[in-house]
Amino acid sequence: MIYRSLYFFTNDRQRGETKDVVAYLAAKAKLLGILKRKHKDENPSPLIFIPSLLTDFSNP
C-alpha cells in the first residue's frame, strides 16, 4: 500500500501541496489504506463458554 500511496504523494507534491513524504503518508494513512482494521478472532477463547457449561450442569 505504501508503493501505491507514493503515486498520490507525487501528484500532491507537483501541485505544491506537500514536501515531506513521511508526514504526508502519516497524515493520510487511513485514507490511503495503509492502516487496516483488525479482523475478528476466528478462534474465540474457550473461557467464554465455561460459565454457560457450569450453569447447565448444575441445573438438573
Protein backbone atom coordinates (compact mmCIF):
# COMPACT_ATOMS: atom_id res chain seq x y z
CA MET A 1 0.00 0.00 0.00
CA ILE A 2 2.93 2.31 0.58
CA TYR A 3 4.04 1.89 -3.03
CA ARG A 4 0.61 2.82 -4.37
CA SER A 5 0.37 5.77 -1.98
CA LEU A 6 3.55 7.26 -3.44
CA TYR A 7 1.61 7.96 -6.64
CA PHE A 8 -0.76 10.25 -4.75
CA PHE A 9 2.16 11.86 -2.94
CA THR A 10 3.92 12.72 -6.20
CA ASN A 11 0.73 14.29 -7.57
CA ASP A 12 0.30 16.43 -4.46
CA ARG A 13 3.98 17.36 -4.49
CA GLN A 14 3.78 18.53 -8.12
CA ARG A 15 0.85 20.76 -7.15
CA GLY A 16 2.92 22.13 -4.25
CA GLU A 17 0.61 20.85 -1.52
CA THR A 18 3.25 18.83 0.36
CA LYS A 19 7.00 18.34 0.61
CA ASP A 20 7.62 15.59 3.16
CA VAL A 21 6.64 12.05 2.17
CA VAL A 22 6.64 10.70 5.73
CA ALA A 23 4.35 13.43 7.06
CA TYR A 24 2.04 13.01 4.05
CA LEU A 25 1.71 9.24 4.48
CA ALA A 26 1.24 9.54 8.25
CA ALA A 27 -1.49 12.17 7.87
CA LYS A 28 -3.41 10.22 5.23
CA ALA A 29 -2.66 6.66 6.35
CA LYS A 30 -6.27 5.61 6.88
CA LEU A 31 -7.49 7.30 3.70
CA LEU A 32 -4.79 5.64 1.57
CA GLY A 33 -5.38 2.20 3.09
CA ILE A 34 -2.04 1.93 4.83
CA LEU A 35 -3.70 1.16 8.18
CA LYS A 36 -6.07 -1.76 8.12
CA ARG A 37 -8.84 -2.64 10.55
CA LYS A 38 -8.32 -5.62 12.80
CA HIS A 39 -10.10 -8.82 11.87
CA LYS A 40 -12.31 -10.67 14.32
CA ASP A 41 -10.68 -13.63 16.01
CA GLU A 42 -11.88 -16.81 14.31
CA ASN A 43 -10.98 -18.94 17.32
CA PRO A 44 -12.54 -17.33 20.40
CA SER A 45 -11.19 -18.19 23.80
CA PRO A 46 -12.70 -21.34 25.34
CA LEU A 47 -13.05 -19.43 28.62
CA ILE A 48 -16.06 -17.62 27.17
CA PHE A 49 -18.09 -20.84 27.10
CA ILE A 50 -17.22 -22.15 30.60
CA PRO A 51 -19.85 -20.17 32.61
CA SER A 52 -22.71 -21.44 30.43
CA LEU A 53 -21.49 -25.02 30.74
CA LEU A 54 -21.26 -24.77 34.52
CA THR A 55 -24.78 -23.42 34.89
CA ASP A 56 -26.25 -26.08 32.57
CA PHE A 57 -24.75 -28.97 34.54
CA SER A 58 -25.78 -27.55 37.92
CA ASN A 59 -29.48 -27.42 36.97
CA PRO A 60 -30.84 -30.98 36.61
